[in-house]
């Protein structure tokens, strides 16, 4: 039973601390003339101004970051569009180069077969010349085939050389297109790099400002709580009449919480436990 009352008291203390902060937030601007709260009031004036400036900086940074991200998306599209025509030409030429190379390989392969056939006929002819009449039909036929093979080999060689010229021309054009694509994209990349640097700087500034804002918020919460605690203890004082009137409901709830905390502490056996009150009370 005592443990249950202790738990209730701890929960209520937490609620009371939150209520003190809320009350402080609501009334701090009204306590300028109260000497005991002069330090808290003027510190809050200073912190509130800094907080507002940081909020404006964060808002501006968020707008800039949004613009930078939108520009980044545009740049990505521009990088592709800037070289689209060249890429299409490059693709077509690359396909043409592959066709020419395949044709060259086919010709080289046929030329090898022709040379092999030529070497075989030549060897055959040497044997026939030794064995038969120089003008026998076999020898004449072999000589004619040799001439035909030489003619075909020359045709293949000339065709291969012509293809090599075409392939070199296509490859040179491809290298030129590659350089032009790189030049166009390089210009976009330089602009994109500047944009990424802007994004990084904006994110860095946002992180720094948010961290500073969090620190300010922590300081302000402490001051709000001190003001709220002081007002709770002294709200029956005539100098707090207006504040008490404007926030009567919250003050009544906080007073009830204070009494409940005291009762639960007694029932839990913690007769010396007290709610934390300001030294200014």
C-alpha atoms as a PDB file:
ATOM      1  CA  UNK A   1       0.000   0.000   0.000  1.00  0.00           C
ATOM      2  CA  UNK A   2       2.809   2.418   0.948  1.00  0.00           C
ATOM      3  CA  UNK A   3       4.578   1.658  -2.316  1.00  0.00           C
ATOM      4  CA  UNK A   4       1.427   2.498  -4.270  1.00  0.00           C
ATOM      5  CA  UNK A   5       1.159   5.882  -2.543  1.00  0.00           C
ATOM      6  CA  UNK A   6       4.854   6.525  -3.218  1.00  0.00           C
ATOM      7  CA  UNK A   7       4.296   5.748  -6.912  1.00  0.00           C
ATOM      8  CA  UNK A   8       1.300   8.084  -7.031  1.00  0.00           C
ATOM      9  CA  UNK A   9       3.350  10.825  -5.372  1.00  0.00           C
ATOM     10  CA  UNK A  10       6.195  10.438  -7.883  1.00  0.00           C
ATOM     11  CA  UNK A  11       3.759  10.610 -10.806  1.00  0.00           C
ATOM     12  CA  UNK A  12       2.087  13.697  -9.395  1.00  0.00           C
ATOM     13  CA  UNK A  13       5.449  15.407  -8.828  1.00  0.00           C
ATOM     14  CA  UNK A  14       6.235  14.857 -12.502  1.00  0.00           C
ATOM     15  CA  UNK A  15       2.861  16.352 -13.483  1.00  0.00           C
ATOM     16  CA  UNK A  16       3.439  19.303 -11.160  1.00  0.00           C
ATOM     17  CA  UNK A  17       6.837  20.020 -12.749  1.00  0.00           C
ATOM     18  CA  UNK A  18       5.218  20.040 -16.205  1.00  0.00           C
ATOM     19  CA  UNK A  19       2.478  22.333 -14.940  1.00  0.00           C
ATOM     20  CA  UNK A  20       5.077  24.709 -13.478  1.00  0.00           C
ATOM     21  CA  UNK A  21       6.776  24.958 -16.864  1.00  0.00           C
ATOM     22  CA  UNK A  22       3.449  25.537 -18.629  1.00  0.00           C
ATOM     23  CA  UNK A  23       2.457  28.233 -16.140  1.00  0.00           C
ATOM     24  CA  UNK A  24       5.855  29.903 -16.546  1.00  0.00           C
ATOM     25  CA  UNK A  25       5.460  29.955 -20.334  1.00  0.00           C
ATOM     26  CA  UNK A  26       2.041  31.550 -19.972  1.00  0.00           C
ATOM     27  CA  UNK A  27       2.915  34.274 -17.459  1.00  0.00           C
ATOM     28  CA  UNK A  28       6.607  35.136 -17.858  1.00  0.00           C
ATOM     29  CA  UNK A  29       5.891  38.201 -19.994  1.00  0.00           C
ATOM     30  CA  UNK A  30       3.700  39.569 -17.158  1.00  0.00           C
ATOM     31  CA  UNK A  31       6.287  39.431 -14.343  1.00  0.00           C
ATOM     32  CA  UNK A  32       8.568  42.270 -15.479  1.00  0.00           C
ATOM     33  CA  UNK A  33       7.724  44.375 -12.420  1.00  0.00           C
ATOM     34  CA  UNK A  34       8.347  41.586  -9.862  1.00  0.00           C
ATOM     35  CA  UNK A  35      11.797  42.091  -8.381  1.00  0.00           C
ATOM     36  CA  UNK A  36      12.288  38.461  -7.298  1.00  0.00           C
ATOM     37  CA  UNK A  37      11.773  37.307 -10.894  1.00  0.00           C
ATOM     38  CA  UNK A  38      13.827  40.046 -12.540  1.00  0.00           C
ATOM     39  CA  UNK A  39      16.755  37.761 -13.431  1.00  0.00           C
ATOM     40  CA  UNK A  40      14.494  35.085 -14.931  1.00  0.00           C
ATOM     41  CA  UNK A  41      12.431  37.652 -16.846  1.00  0.00           C
ATOM     42  CA  UNK A  42      15.340  39.451 -18.500  1.00  0.00           C
ATOM     43  CA  UNK A  43      17.163  36.240 -19.287  1.00  0.00           C
ATOM     44  CA  UNK A  44      14.002  34.999 -20.981  1.00  0.00           C
ATOM     45  CA  UNK A  45      13.730  38.254 -22.917  1.00  0.00           C
ATOM     46  CA  UNK A  46      17.254  37.710 -24.233  1.00  0.00           C
ATOM     47  CA  UNK A  47      16.756  33.993 -24.929  1.00  0.00           C
ATOM     48  CA  UNK A  48      13.403  34.565 -26.628  1.00  0.00           C
ATOM     49  CA  UNK A  49      14.988  37.067 -28.999  1.00  0.00           C
ATOM     50  CA  UNK A  50      17.781  34.640 -29.837  1.00  0.00           C
ATOM     51  CA  UNK A  51      15.237  31.841 -30.247  1.00  0.00           C
ATOM     52  CA  UNK A  52      13.218  33.935 -32.686  1.00  0.00           C
ATOM     53  CA  UNK A  53      16.308  34.782 -34.732  1.00  0.00           C
ATOM     54  CA  UNK A  54      17.277  31.126 -34.904  1.00  0.00           C
ATOM     55  CA  UNK A  55      13.746  30.169 -35.923  1.00  0.00           C
ATOM     56  CA  UNK A  56      13.929  32.669 -38.785  1.00  0.00           C
ATOM     57  CA  UNK A  57      17.335  31.339 -39.850  1.00  0.00           C
ATOM     58  CA  UNK A  58      16.049  27.757 -39.794  1.00  0.00           C
ATOM     59  CA  UNK A  59      12.996  28.729 -41.814  1.00  0.00           C
ATOM     60  CA  UNK A  60      15.184  30.479 -44.397  1.00  0.00           C
ATOM     61  CA  UNK A  61      17.589  27.534 -44.500  1.00  0.00           C
ATOM     62  CA  UNK A  62      14.694  25.133 -45.077  1.00  0.00           C
ATOM     63  CA  UNK A  63      13.473  27.270 -47.985  1.00  0.00           C
ATOM     64  CA  UNK A  64      16.993  27.371 -49.452  1.00  0.00           C
ATOM     65  CA  UNK A  65      17.407  23.628 -48.981  1.00  0.00           C
ATOM     66  CA  UNK A  66      14.132  22.992 -50.764  1.00  0.00           C
ATOM     67  CA  UNK A  67      15.271  25.206 -53.653  1.00  0.00           C
ATOM     68  CA  UNK A  68      18.643  23.454 -53.819  1.00  0.00           C
ATOM     69  CA  UNK A  69      17.017  20.015 -53.888  1.00  0.00           C
ATOM     70  CA  UNK A  70      14.615  21.114 -56.603  1.00  0.00           C
ATOM     71  CA  UNK A  71      17.526  22.512 -58.620  1.00  0.00           C
ATOM     72  CA  UNK A  72      19.418  19.246 -58.118  1.00  0.00           C
ATOM     73  CA  UNK A  73      16.530  17.320 -59.669  1.00  0.00           C
ATOM     74  CA  UNK A  74      16.497  19.747 -62.593  1.00  0.00           C
ATOM     75  CA  UNK A  75      20.255  19.358 -63.051  1.00  0.00           C
ATOM     76  CA  UNK A  76      20.003  15.576 -63.150  1.00  0.00           C
ATOM     77  CA  UNK A  77      17.512  15.891 -65.997  1.00  0.00           C
ATOM     78  CA  UNK A  78      19.666  18.488 -67.730  1.00  0.00           C
ATOM     79  CA  UNK A  79      22.734  16.217 -67.589  1.00  0.00           C
ATOM     80  CA  UNK A  80      20.816  13.561 -69.515  1.00  0.00           C
ATOM     81  CA  UNK A  81      19.118  15.991 -71.910  1.00  0.00           C
ATOM     82  CA  UNK A  82      22.322  17.909 -72.638  1.00  0.00           C
ATOM     83  CA  UNK A  83      23.875  14.903 -74.383  1.00  0.00           C
ATOM     84  CA  UNK A  84      20.782  12.986 -75.514  1.00  0.00           C
ATOM     85  CA  UNK A  85      21.351  13.685 -79.232  1.00  0.00           C
ATOM     86  CA  UNK A  86      25.016  12.741 -78.995  1.00  0.00           C
ATOM     87  CA  UNK A  87      24.238   9.560 -77.069  1.00  0.00           C
ATOM     88  CA  UNK A  88      21.770   8.504 -79.753  1.00  0.00           C
ATOM     89  CA  UNK A  89      24.393   9.161 -82.449  1.00  0.00           C
ATOM     90  CA  UNK A  90      26.984   7.331 -80.366  1.00  0.00           C
ATOM     91  CA  UNK A  91      24.724   4.275 -80.028  1.00  0.00           C
ATOM     92  CA  UNK A  92      24.065   4.139 -83.766  1.00  0.00           C
ATOM     93  CA  UNK A  93      27.775   4.468 -84.629  1.00  0.00           C
ATOM     94  CA  UNK A  94      28.758   1.851 -82.059  1.00  0.00           C
ATOM     95  CA  UNK A  95      26.313  -0.586 -83.670  1.00  0.00           C
ATOM     96  CA  UNK A  96      27.743   0.273 -87.119  1.00  0.00           C
ATOM     97  CA  UNK A  97      31.277  -0.314 -85.853  1.00  0.00           C
ATOM     98  CA  UNK A  98      30.320  -3.731 -84.533  1.00  0.00           C
ATOM     99  CA  UNK A  99      28.752  -4.680 -87.899  1.00  0.00           C
ATOM    100  CA  UNK A 100      31.872  -3.590 -89.791  1.00  0.00           C
ATOM    101  CA  UNK A 101      34.129  -5.506 -87.411  1.00  0.00           C
ATOM    102  CA  UNK A 102      31.993  -8.626 -87.810  1.00  0.00           C
ATOM    103  CA  UNK A 103      32.197  -8.250 -91.606  1.00  0.00           C
ATOM    104  CA  UNK A 104      35.968  -7.829 -91.381  1.00  0.00           C
ATOM    105  CA  UNK A 105      36.303 -10.976 -89.284  1.00  0.00           C
ATOM    106  CA  UNK A 106      34.230 -12.909 -91.826  1.00  0.00           C
ATOM    107  CA  UNK A 107      36.481 -11.691 -94.647  1.00  0.00           C
ATOM    108  CA  UNK A 108      39.642 -12.530 -92.715  1.00  0.00           C
ATOM    109  CA  UNK A 109      38.267 -15.986 -92.033  1.00  0.00           C
ATOM    110  CA  UNK A 110      37.455 -16.514 -95.729  1.00  0.00           C
ATOM    111  CA  UNK A 111      40.904 -15.187 -96.709  1.00  0.00           C
ATOM    112  CA  UNK A 112      42.535 -17.764 -94.444  1.00  0.00           C
ATOM    113  CA  UNK A 113      40.503 -20.502 -96.112  1.00  0.00           C
ATOM    114  CA  UNK A 114      41.480 -19.214 -99.582  1.00  0.00           C
ATOM    115  CA  UNK A 115      45.165 -19.126 -98.619  1.00  0.00           C
ATOM    116  CA  UNK A 116      44.953 -22.618 -97.206  1.00  0.00           C
ATOM    117  CA  UNK A 117      43.265 -23.818-100.424  1.00  0.00           C
ATOM    118  CA  UNK A 118      45.934 -21.977-102.458  1.00  0.00           C
ATOM    119  CA  UNK A 119      48.747 -23.644-100.539  1.00  0.00           C
ATOM    120  CA  UNK A 120      47.149 -27.053-101.081  1.00  0.00           C
ATOM    121  CA  UNK A 121      46.724 -26.552-104.856  1.00  0.00           C
ATOM    122  CA  UNK A 122      50.273 -25.228-105.126  1.00  0.00           C
ATOM    123  CA  UNK A 123      51.643 -28.335-103.416  1.00  0.00           C
ATOM    124  CA  UNK A 124      49.483 -30.533-105.650  1.00  0.00           C
ATOM    125  CA  UNK A 125      50.743 -28.713-108.766  1.00  0.00           C
ATOM    126  CA  UNK A 126      54.373 -29.239-107.801  1.00  0.00           C
ATOM    127  CA  UNK A 127      53.767 -32.960-107.565  1.00  0.00           C
ATOM    128  CA  UNK A 128      51.836 -33.123-110.875  1.00  0.00           C
ATOM    129  CA  UNK A 129      54.552 -31.192-112.738  1.00  0.00           C
ATOM    130  CA  UNK A 130      57.083 -33.791-111.700  1.00  0.00           C
ATOM    131  CA  UNK A 131      54.842 -36.699-112.670  1.00  0.00           C
ATOM    132  CA  UNK A 132      52.856 -35.543-115.758  1.00  0.00           C
ATOM    133  CA  UNK A 133      53.154 -33.514-118.907  1.00  0.00           C
ATOM    134  CA  UNK A 134      53.451 -29.764-118.305  1.00  0.00           C
ATOM    135  CA  UNK A 135      50.298 -29.216-120.322  1.00  0.00           C
ATOM    136  CA  UNK A 136      48.090 -31.967-118.997  1.00  0.00           C
ATOM    137  CA  UNK A 137      44.479 -31.044-118.220  1.00  0.00           C
ATOM    138  CA  UNK A 138      45.064 -31.599-114.481  1.00  0.00           C
ATOM    139  CA  UNK A 139      48.009 -29.253-114.407  1.00  0.00           C
ATOM    140  CA  UNK A 140      46.200 -26.607-116.462  1.00  0.00           C
ATOM    141  CA  UNK A 141      43.154 -26.866-114.214  1.00  0.00           C
ATOM    142  CA  UNK A 142      45.302 -26.515-111.086  1.00  0.00           C
ATOM    143  CA  UNK A 143      47.109 -23.501-112.524  1.00  0.00           C
ATOM    144  CA  UNK A 144      43.788 -21.870-113.388  1.00  0.00           C
ATOM    145  CA  UNK A 145      42.470 -22.516-109.878  1.00  0.00           C
ATOM    146  CA  UNK A 146      45.609 -20.957-108.421  1.00  0.00           C
ATOM    147  CA  UNK A 147      45.017 -17.843-110.504  1.00  0.00           C
ATOM    148  CA  UNK A 148      41.376 -17.732-109.375  1.00  0.00           C
ATOM    149  CA  UNK A 149      42.424 -18.120-105.727  1.00  0.00           C
ATOM    150  CA  UNK A 150      45.005 -15.348-106.030  1.00  0.00           C
ATOM    151  CA  UNK A 151      42.383 -13.074-107.566  1.00  0.00           C
ATOM    152  CA  UNK A 152      39.885 -13.908-104.804  1.00  0.00           C
ATOM    153  CA  UNK A 153      42.526 -13.407-102.087  1.00  0.00           C
ATOM    154  CA  UNK A 154      43.363  -9.975-103.513  1.00  0.00           C
ATOM    155  CA  UNK A 155      39.682  -9.055-103.588  1.00  0.00           C
ATOM    156  CA  UNK A 156      39.316 -10.128 -99.945  1.00  0.00           C
ATOM    157  CA  UNK A 157      42.434  -8.230 -98.917  1.00  0.00           C
ATOM    158  CA  UNK A 158      41.259  -5.069-100.671  1.00  0.00           C
ATOM    159  CA  UNK A 159      37.825  -5.427 -99.047  1.00  0.00           C
ATOM    160  CA  UNK A 160      39.441  -5.943 -95.641  1.00  0.00           C
ATOM    161  CA  UNK A 161      41.609  -2.835 -96.096  1.00  0.00           C
ATOM    162  CA  UNK A 162      38.552  -0.796 -97.092  1.00  0.00           C
ATOM    163  CA  UNK A 163      36.716  -2.011 -94.002  1.00  0.00           C
ATOM    164  CA  UNK A 164      39.659  -1.086 -91.800  1.00  0.00           C
ATOM    165  CA  UNK A 165      39.507   2.466 -93.157  1.00  0.00           C
ATOM    166  CA  UNK A 166      35.758   2.608 -92.466  1.00  0.00           C
ATOM    167  CA  UNK A 167      36.184   1.152 -88.967  1.00  0.00           C
ATOM    168  CA  UNK A 168      38.958   3.652 -88.144  1.00  0.00           C
ATOM    169  CA  UNK A 169      36.733   6.486 -89.368  1.00  0.00           C
ATOM    170  CA  UNK A 170      33.812   5.315 -87.219  1.00  0.00           C
ATOM    171  CA  UNK A 171      36.068   4.826 -84.172  1.00  0.00           C
ATOM    172  CA  UNK A 172      37.527   8.331 -84.593  1.00  0.00           C
ATOM    173  CA  UNK A 173      34.014   9.759 -84.795  1.00  0.00           C
ATOM    174  CA  UNK A 174      33.043   7.817 -81.656  1.00  0.00           C
ATOM    175  CA  UNK A 175      36.025   9.196 -79.760  1.00  0.00           C
ATOM    176  CA  UNK A 176      35.062  12.703 -80.860  1.00  0.00           C
ATOM    177  CA  UNK A 177      31.476  12.142 -79.695  1.00  0.00           C
ATOM    178  CA  UNK A 178      32.721  10.745 -76.360  1.00  0.00           C
ATOM    179  CA  UNK A 179      34.765  13.910 -75.848  1.00  0.00           C
ATOM    180  CA  UNK A 180      31.794  16.138 -76.725  1.00  0.00           C
ATOM    181  CA  UNK A 181      29.506  14.199 -74.370  1.00  0.00           C
ATOM    182  CA  UNK A 182      32.074  14.495 -71.592  1.00  0.00           C
ATOM    183  CA  UNK A 183      32.452  18.230 -72.240  1.00  0.00           C
ATOM    184  CA  UNK A 184      28.703  18.844 -72.032  1.00  0.00           C
ATOM    185  CA  UNK A 185      28.270  16.703 -68.954  1.00  0.00           C
ATOM    186  CA  UNK A 186      31.310  18.237 -67.305  1.00  0.00           C
ATOM    187  CA  UNK A 187      29.665  21.649 -67.471  1.00  0.00           C
ATOM    188  CA  UNK A 188      26.557  20.207 -65.817  1.00  0.00           C
ATOM    189  CA  UNK A 189      28.655  18.352 -63.230  1.00  0.00           C
ATOM    190  CA  UNK A 190      30.439  21.546 -62.232  1.00  0.00           C
ATOM    191  CA  UNK A 191      27.100  23.233 -61.636  1.00  0.00           C
ATOM    192  CA  UNK A 192      25.791  20.120 -59.860  1.00  0.00           C
ATOM    193  CA  UNK A 193      28.892  20.099 -57.625  1.00  0.00           C
ATOM    194  CA  UNK A 194      28.237  23.688 -56.589  1.00  0.00           C
ATOM    195  CA  UNK A 195      24.633  22.735 -55.876  1.00  0.00           C
ATOM    196  CA  UNK A 196      25.657  19.724 -53.760  1.00  0.00           C
ATOM    197  CA  UNK A 197      28.042  21.931 -51.814  1.00  0.00           C
ATOM    198  CA  UNK A 198      25.182  24.354 -51.183  1.00  0.00           C
ATOM    199  CA  UNK A 199      23.000  21.471 -49.984  1.00  0.00           C
ATOM    200  CA  UNK A 200      25.743  20.266 -47.656  1.00  0.00           C
ATOM    201  CA  UNK A 201      26.295  23.744 -46.233  1.00  0.00           C
ATOM    202  CA  UNK A 202      22.542  24.272 -45.766  1.00  0.00           C
ATOM    203  CA  UNK A 203      22.217  20.943 -43.922  1.00  0.00           C
ATOM    204  CA  UNK A 204      25.216  21.792 -41.765  1.00  0.00           C
ATOM    205  CA  UNK A 205      23.746  25.173 -40.865  1.00  0.00           C
ATOM    206  CA  UNK A 206      20.385  23.572 -40.086  1.00  0.00           C
ATOM    207  CA  UNK A 207      21.991  21.019 -37.779  1.00  0.00           C
ATOM    208  CA  UNK A 208      24.001  23.707 -36.008  1.00  0.00           C
ATOM    209  CA  UNK A 209      20.998  26.030 -35.591  1.00  0.00           C
ATOM    210  CA  UNK A 210      18.748  23.210 -34.387  1.00  0.00           C
ATOM    211  CA  UNK A 211      21.348  22.146 -31.823  1.00  0.00           C
ATOM    212  CA  UNK A 212      21.654  25.754 -30.617  1.00  0.00           C
ATOM    213  CA  UNK A 213      17.878  26.070 -30.530  1.00  0.00           C
ATOM    214  CA  UNK A 214      17.654  22.905 -28.433  1.00  0.00           C
ATOM    215  CA  UNK A 215      20.169  24.355 -25.984  1.00  0.00           C
ATOM    216  CA  UNK A 216      18.186  27.614 -25.780  1.00  0.00           C
ATOM    217  CA  UNK A 217      14.972  25.670 -25.248  1.00  0.00           C
ATOM    218  CA  UNK A 218      16.535  23.783 -22.319  1.00  0.00           C
ATOM    219  CA  UNK A 219      17.629  27.061 -20.689  1.00  0.00           C
ATOM    220  CA  UNK A 220      14.196  28.568 -21.240  1.00  0.00           C
ATOM    221  CA  UNK A 221      12.427  25.539 -19.741  1.00  0.00           C
ATOM    222  CA  UNK A 222      14.447  25.948 -16.541  1.00  0.00           C
ATOM    223  CA  UNK A 223      13.504  29.624 -16.330  1.00  0.00           C
ATOM    224  CA  UNK A 224       9.832  28.923 -17.141  1.00  0.00           C
ATOM    225  CA  UNK A 225       9.734  26.319 -14.391  1.00  0.00           C
ATOM    226  CA  UNK A 226      11.293  28.666 -11.846  1.00  0.00           C
ATOM    227  CA  UNK A 227       8.769  31.390 -12.674  1.00  0.00           C
ATOM    228  CA  UNK A 228       5.862  28.940 -12.608  1.00  0.00           C
ATOM    229  CA  UNK A 229       6.977  27.540  -9.262  1.00  0.00           C
ATOM    230  CA  UNK A 230       7.335  30.995  -7.768  1.00  0.00           C
ATOM    231  CA  UNK A 231       3.922  32.120  -9.041  1.00  0.00           C
ATOM    232  CA  UNK A 232       2.280  28.963  -7.609  1.00  0.00           C
ATOM    233  CA  UNK A 233       3.686  29.621  -4.146  1.00  0.00           C
ATOM    234  CA  UNK A 234       2.895  33.337  -4.195  1.00  0.00           C
ATOM    235  CA  UNK A 235      -0.295  33.562  -6.248  1.00  0.00           C
ATOM    236  CA  UNK A 236      -2.330  34.718  -3.230  1.00  0.00           C
ATOM    237  CA  UNK A 237      -0.104  37.784  -2.982  1.00  0.00           C
ATOM    238  CA  UNK A 238      -1.950  40.940  -4.199  1.00  0.00           C
ATOM    239  CA  UNK A 239       0.844  41.654  -6.693  1.00  0.00           C
ATOM    240  CA  UNK A 240      -0.168  38.462  -8.491  1.00  0.00           C
ATOM    241  CA  UNK A 241      -3.890  39.180  -8.529  1.00  0.00           C
ATOM    242  CA  UNK A 242      -4.106  39.732 -12.270  1.00  0.00           C
ATOM    243  CA  UNK A 243      -1.955  36.706 -13.095  1.00  0.00           C
ATOM    244  CA  UNK A 244      -3.907  34.532 -10.640  1.00  0.00           C
ATOM    245  CA  UNK A 245      -7.200  35.700 -12.114  1.00  0.00           C
ATOM    246  CA  UNK A 246      -6.113  34.918 -15.678  1.00  0.00           C
ATOM    247  CA  UNK A 247      -4.835  31.449 -14.803  1.00  0.00           C
ATOM    248  CA  UNK A 248      -7.099  30.485 -11.923  1.00  0.00           C
ATOM    249  CA  UNK A 249      -7.995  27.049 -13.286  1.00  0.00           C
ATOM    250  CA  UNK A 250      -4.370  25.968 -13.792  1.00  0.00           C
ATOM    251  CA  UNK A 251      -3.321  27.318 -10.381  1.00  0.00           C
ATOM    252  CA  UNK A 252      -6.161  25.451  -8.682  1.00  0.00           C
ATOM    253  CA  UNK A 253      -5.131  22.217 -10.366  1.00  0.00           C
ATOM    254  CA  UNK A 254      -1.503  22.749  -9.337  1.00  0.00           C
ATOM    255  CA  UNK A 255      -2.525  23.512  -5.737  1.00  0.00           C
ATOM    256  CA  UNK A 256      -4.593  20.338  -5.677  1.00  0.00           C
ATOM    257  CA  UNK A 257      -1.645  18.370  -7.002  1.00  0.00           C
ATOM    258  CA  UNK A 258       0.585  19.825  -4.294  1.00  0.00           C
ATOM    259  CA  UNK A 259      -1.852  18.737  -1.573  1.00  0.00           C
ATOM    260  CA  UNK A 260      -2.204  15.275  -3.131  1.00  0.00           C
ATOM    261  CA  UNK A 261       1.576  14.867  -3.254  1.00  0.00           C
ATOM    262  CA  UNK A 262       1.846  15.799   0.434  1.00  0.00           C
ATOM    263  CA  UNK A 263      -0.923  13.326   1.383  1.00  0.00           C
ATOM    264  CA  UNK A 264       0.543  10.469  -0.657  1.00  0.00           C
ATOM    265  CA  UNK A 265       3.978  11.083   0.822  1.00  0.00           C
ATOM    266  CA  UNK A 266       2.507  10.844   4.325  1.00  0.00           C
ATOM    267  CA  UNK A 267       0.634   7.652   3.484  1.00  0.00           C
ATOM    268  CA  UNK A 268       3.777   6.144   2.005  1.00  0.00           C
ATOM    269  CA  UNK A 269       5.695   6.869   5.198  1.00  0.00           C
ATOM    270  CA  UNK A 270       7.787   9.626   3.683  1.00  0.00           C
ATOM    271  CA  UNK A 271       6.735  12.189   6.264  1.00  0.00           C
ATOM    272  CA  UNK A 272       9.758  14.387   5.520  1.00  0.00           C
ATOM    273  CA  UNK A 273       9.203  14.434   1.733  1.00  0.00           C
ATOM    274  CA  UNK A 274       8.282  17.781   0.269  1.00  0.00           C
ATOM    275  CA  UNK A 275       7.603  19.105  -3.123  1.00  0.00           C
ATOM    276  CA  UNK A 276      10.543  21.151  -4.402  1.00  0.00           C
ATOM    277  CA  UNK A 277       9.781  24.831  -3.932  1.00  0.00           C
ATOM    278  CA  UNK A 278      11.739  27.866  -5.006  1.00  0.00           C
ATOM    279  CA  UNK A 279      14.062  29.441  -2.418  1.00  0.00           C
ATOM    280  CA  UNK A 280      12.311  32.678  -3.274  1.00  0.00           C
ATOM    281  CA  UNK A 281       9.013  31.536  -1.711  1.00  0.00           C
END
